C-alpha atoms as a PDB file:
ATOM      1  CA  MET A   1      -0.021   0.044   0.017  1.00  0.00           C
ATOM      2  CA  SER A   2       1.193   3.494  -0.688  1.00  0.00           C
ATOM      3  CA  TYR A   3      -0.643   4.841   2.491  1.00  0.00           C
ATOM      4  CA  GLY A   4      -2.107   8.047   1.204  1.00  0.00           C
ATOM      5  CA  ASN A   5       0.719   9.385  -1.097  1.00  0.00           C
ATOM      6  CA  LYS A   6      -1.941  10.958  -3.204  1.00  0.00           C
ATOM      7  CA  ALA A   7      -4.689  13.315  -1.934  1.00  0.00           C
ATOM      8  CA  TYR A   8      -8.082  11.659  -1.910  1.00  0.00           C
ATOM      9  CA  ARG A   9     -11.622  12.772  -1.228  1.00  0.00           C
ATOM     10  CA  SER A  10     -14.668  11.052  -2.354  1.00  0.00           C
ATOM     11  CA  LYS A  11     -18.324  11.093  -1.555  1.00  0.00           C
ATOM     12  CA  TYR A  12     -20.661   8.004  -1.578  1.00  0.00           C
ATOM     13  CA  SER A  13     -24.272   7.503  -0.886  1.00  0.00           C
ATOM     14  CA  ASN A  14     -26.544   4.433  -0.859  1.00  0.00           C
ATOM     15  CA  ALA A  15     -27.642   3.762  -4.466  1.00  0.00           C
ATOM     16  CA  SER A  16     -30.343   1.361  -3.358  1.00  0.00           C
ATOM     17  CA  ILE A  17     -32.925   0.974  -0.578  1.00  0.00           C
ATOM     18  CA  ILE A  18     -31.355  -0.318   2.780  1.00  0.00           C
ATOM     19  CA  VAL A  19     -33.963  -2.718   3.975  1.00  0.00           C
ATOM     20  CA  ALA A  20     -34.886  -2.993   7.665  1.00  0.00           C
ATOM     21  CA  SER A  21     -31.952  -4.762   9.481  1.00  0.00           C
ATOM     22  CA  GLY A  22     -30.022  -4.640   6.287  1.00  0.00           C
ATOM     23  CA  VAL A  23     -26.541  -3.321   5.656  1.00  0.00           C
ATOM     24  CA  TYR A  24     -24.828  -0.768   3.247  1.00  0.00           C
ATOM     25  CA  VAL A  25     -21.170  -1.304   2.609  1.00  0.00           C
ATOM     26  CA  VAL A  26     -19.546   1.887   1.350  1.00  0.00           C
ATOM     27  CA  GLY A  27     -18.415   1.241  -2.220  1.00  0.00           C
ATOM     28  CA  ILE A  28     -14.744   1.805  -2.011  1.00  0.00           C
ATOM     29  CA  THR A  29     -12.853  -0.179  -4.581  1.00  0.00           C
ATOM     30  CA  ASP A  30      -9.774  -2.202  -3.921  1.00  0.00           C
ATOM     31  CA  ILE A  31      -7.888   0.198  -6.176  1.00  0.00           C
ATOM     32  CA  GLU A  32      -9.041   3.199  -4.118  1.00  0.00           C
ATOM     33  CA  LYS A  33      -7.998   1.377  -0.944  1.00  0.00           C
ATOM     34  CA  ASN A  34      -4.606   0.268  -2.250  1.00  0.00           C
ATOM     35  CA  THR A  35      -3.739   3.713  -3.714  1.00  0.00           C
ATOM     36  CA  TYR A  36      -5.191   6.078  -1.125  1.00  0.00           C
ATOM     37  CA  ALA A  37      -5.672   4.398   2.195  1.00  0.00           C
ATOM     38  CA  PRO A  38      -5.493   5.030   5.066  1.00  0.00           C
ATOM     39  CA  PHE A  39      -8.402   7.359   5.291  1.00  0.00           C
ATOM     40  CA  ARG A  40      -8.089  10.036   8.050  1.00  0.00           C
ATOM     41  CA  ARG A  41     -11.375  11.931   7.844  1.00  0.00           C
ATOM     42  CA  LEU A  42     -14.840  10.244   7.734  1.00  0.00           C
ATOM     43  CA  ILE A  43     -18.179  12.074   7.681  1.00  0.00           C
ATOM     44  CA  ILE A  44     -21.368  10.023   7.544  1.00  0.00           C
ATOM     45  CA  VAL A  45     -24.759  11.818   7.325  1.00  0.00           C
ATOM     46  CA  ASN A  46     -27.908   9.998   8.162  1.00  0.00           C
ATOM     47  CA  ASN A  47     -30.621  11.829   6.439  1.00  0.00           C
ATOM     48  CA  SER A  48     -33.173   9.115   7.037  1.00  0.00           C
ATOM     49  CA  GLY A  49     -35.773   8.666   9.882  1.00  0.00           C
ATOM     50  CA  SER A  50     -34.036   5.418  10.777  1.00  0.00           C
ATOM     51  CA  ASP A  51     -31.407   4.824  13.482  1.00  0.00           C
ATOM     52  CA  THR A  52     -28.239   3.142  12.166  1.00  0.00           C
ATOM     53  CA  LEU A  53     -24.993   1.738  13.464  1.00  0.00           C
ATOM     54  CA  VAL A  54     -21.637   2.400  11.750  1.00  0.00           C
ATOM     55  CA  TYR A  55     -18.899  -0.212  11.758  1.00  0.00           C
ATOM     56  CA  ILE A  56     -15.278   1.085  11.468  1.00  0.00           C
ATOM     57  CA  ASN A  57     -12.130  -0.919  11.242  1.00  0.00           C
ATOM     58  CA  GLY A  58      -8.710   0.517  11.220  1.00  0.00           C
ATOM     59  CA  THR A  59      -5.832   1.390  13.457  1.00  0.00           C
ATOM     60  CA  ILE A  60      -5.068   3.990  16.130  1.00  0.00           C
ATOM     61  CA  GLN A  61      -1.482   5.150  15.985  1.00  0.00           C
ATOM     62  CA  GLY A  62      -0.081   6.483  19.230  1.00  0.00           C
ATOM     63  CA  THR A  63       3.499   7.964  19.791  1.00  0.00           C
ATOM     64  CA  ALA A  64       4.988   4.649  20.203  1.00  0.00           C
ATOM     65  CA  THR A  65       2.371   2.019  19.381  1.00  0.00           C
ATOM     66  CA  VAL A  66      -0.065   1.033  16.725  1.00  0.00           C
ATOM     67  CA  SER A  67      -3.258  -0.775  17.860  1.00  0.00           C
ATOM     68  CA  ASN A  68      -6.169  -2.274  16.081  1.00  0.00           C
ATOM     69  CA  TYR A  69      -9.386  -0.285  16.171  1.00  0.00           C
ATOM     70  CA  GLU A  70     -12.787  -1.819  15.662  1.00  0.00           C
ATOM     71  CA  TYR A  71     -15.807   0.120  16.822  1.00  0.00           C
ATOM     72  CA  LEU A  72     -19.576   0.288  16.248  1.00  0.00           C
ATOM     73  CA  TYR A  73     -20.829   3.930  16.371  1.00  0.00           C
ATOM     74  CA  PRO A  74     -24.579   4.535  16.954  1.00  0.00           C
ATOM     75  CA  LEU A  75     -25.715   7.063  14.333  1.00  0.00           C
ATOM     76  CA  PRO A  76     -29.369   8.116  15.088  1.00  0.00           C
ATOM     77  CA  ALA A  77     -31.827   9.340  12.480  1.00  0.00           C
ATOM     78  CA  ASN A  78     -30.871  12.809  11.039  1.00  0.00           C
ATOM     79  CA  TYR A  79     -27.493  12.936  12.780  1.00  0.00           C
ATOM     80  CA  THR A  80     -23.908  13.163  11.396  1.00  0.00           C
ATOM     81  CA  LEU A  81     -20.866  11.238  12.461  1.00  0.00           C
ATOM     82  CA  ILE A  82     -17.490  13.030  12.072  1.00  0.00           C
ATOM     83  CA  LEU A  83     -14.065  11.412  12.555  1.00  0.00           C
ATOM     84  CA  GLU A  84     -11.173  13.958  12.120  1.00  0.00           C
ATOM     85  CA  PRO A  85      -7.512  13.410  11.595  1.00  0.00           C
ATOM     86  CA  SER A  86      -7.068  14.608  15.195  1.00  0.00           C
ATOM     87  CA  ASP A  87      -8.846  11.569  16.416  1.00  0.00           C
ATOM     88  CA  ASN A  88      -5.883   9.577  15.219  1.00  0.00           C
ATOM     89  CA  ILE A  89      -7.806   6.784  13.648  1.00  0.00           C
ATOM     90  CA  PHE A  90      -6.584   5.341  10.300  1.00  0.00           C
ATOM     91  CA  ILE A  91      -9.416   3.630   8.370  1.00  0.00           C
ATOM     92  CA  ASN A  92      -8.231   0.970   5.972  1.00  0.00           C
ATOM     93  CA  THR A  93     -11.498  -0.674   4.937  1.00  0.00           C
ATOM     94  CA  SER A  94     -15.010   0.281   3.846  1.00  0.00           C
ATOM     95  CA  PRO A  95     -17.273   1.508   6.470  1.00  0.00           C
ATOM     96  CA  ILE A  96     -20.458  -0.603   6.963  1.00  0.00           C
ATOM     97  CA  ILE A  97     -23.673   1.016   7.869  1.00  0.00           C
ATOM     98  CA  PHE A  98     -26.350  -1.209   9.610  1.00  0.00           C
ATOM     99  CA  ASN A  99     -30.063  -0.207   9.445  1.00  0.00           C
ATOM    100  CA  ASN A 100     -30.970  -0.673  12.998  1.00  0.00           C
ATOM    101  CA  SER A 101     -34.571   0.094  12.551  1.00  0.00           C
ATOM    102  CA  GLY A 102     -37.834  -1.688  11.398  1.00  0.00           C
ATOM    103  CA  SER A 103     -38.182   0.596   8.369  1.00  0.00           C
ATOM    104  CA  ASN A 104     -36.284   0.812   5.041  1.00  0.00           C
ATOM    105  CA  ILE A 105     -33.880   3.672   4.249  1.00  0.00           C
ATOM    106  CA  ALA A 106     -34.521   5.367   1.005  1.00  0.00           C
ATOM    107  CA  ILE A 107     -31.973   5.785  -1.825  1.00  0.00           C
ATOM    108  CA  GLY A 108     -29.470   8.554  -1.188  1.00  0.00           C
ATOM    109  CA  LYS A 109     -30.337   9.088   2.508  1.00  0.00           C
ATOM    110  CA  ILE A 110     -26.935   7.848   3.810  1.00  0.00           C
ATOM    111  CA  GLU A 111     -24.023  10.100   2.589  1.00  0.00           C
ATOM    112  CA  VAL A 112     -20.423   9.285   3.259  1.00  0.00           C
ATOM    113  CA  MET A 113     -17.271  11.276   2.683  1.00  0.00           C
ATOM    114  CA  LEU A 114     -13.782   9.953   3.002  1.00  0.00           C
ATOM    115  CA  GLN A 115     -10.506  11.748   2.844  1.00  0.00           C
ATOM    116  CA  ASN A 116      -6.903  10.699   3.406  1.00  0.00           C
ATOM    117  CA  TYR A 117      -5.655  14.157   4.487  1.00  0.00           C
END
């Protein structure tokens, strides 16, 4: 991996309905991951009326250590999740959004932005 040698910023949104208890895997390609990862900034906007959970997998890099980071963030209806470079989280895989409600989420209601700077 080149680990973010090139500046990268891209926006994604769900292109199909996310059914109740379904998942949306953000469509980052292997080429994008291999060329631009790790991603340092993540913004996920939940414009739906449904509560979701966001699964993030990456690493946290301290001054002398690197540790695995795996977390499930609650993202309520009509809220935004923001992870900034100052959070020191390096995201290497596609975020996964779980529809944690009994209703479907319409097309385009989950927006995701990833950056590596």
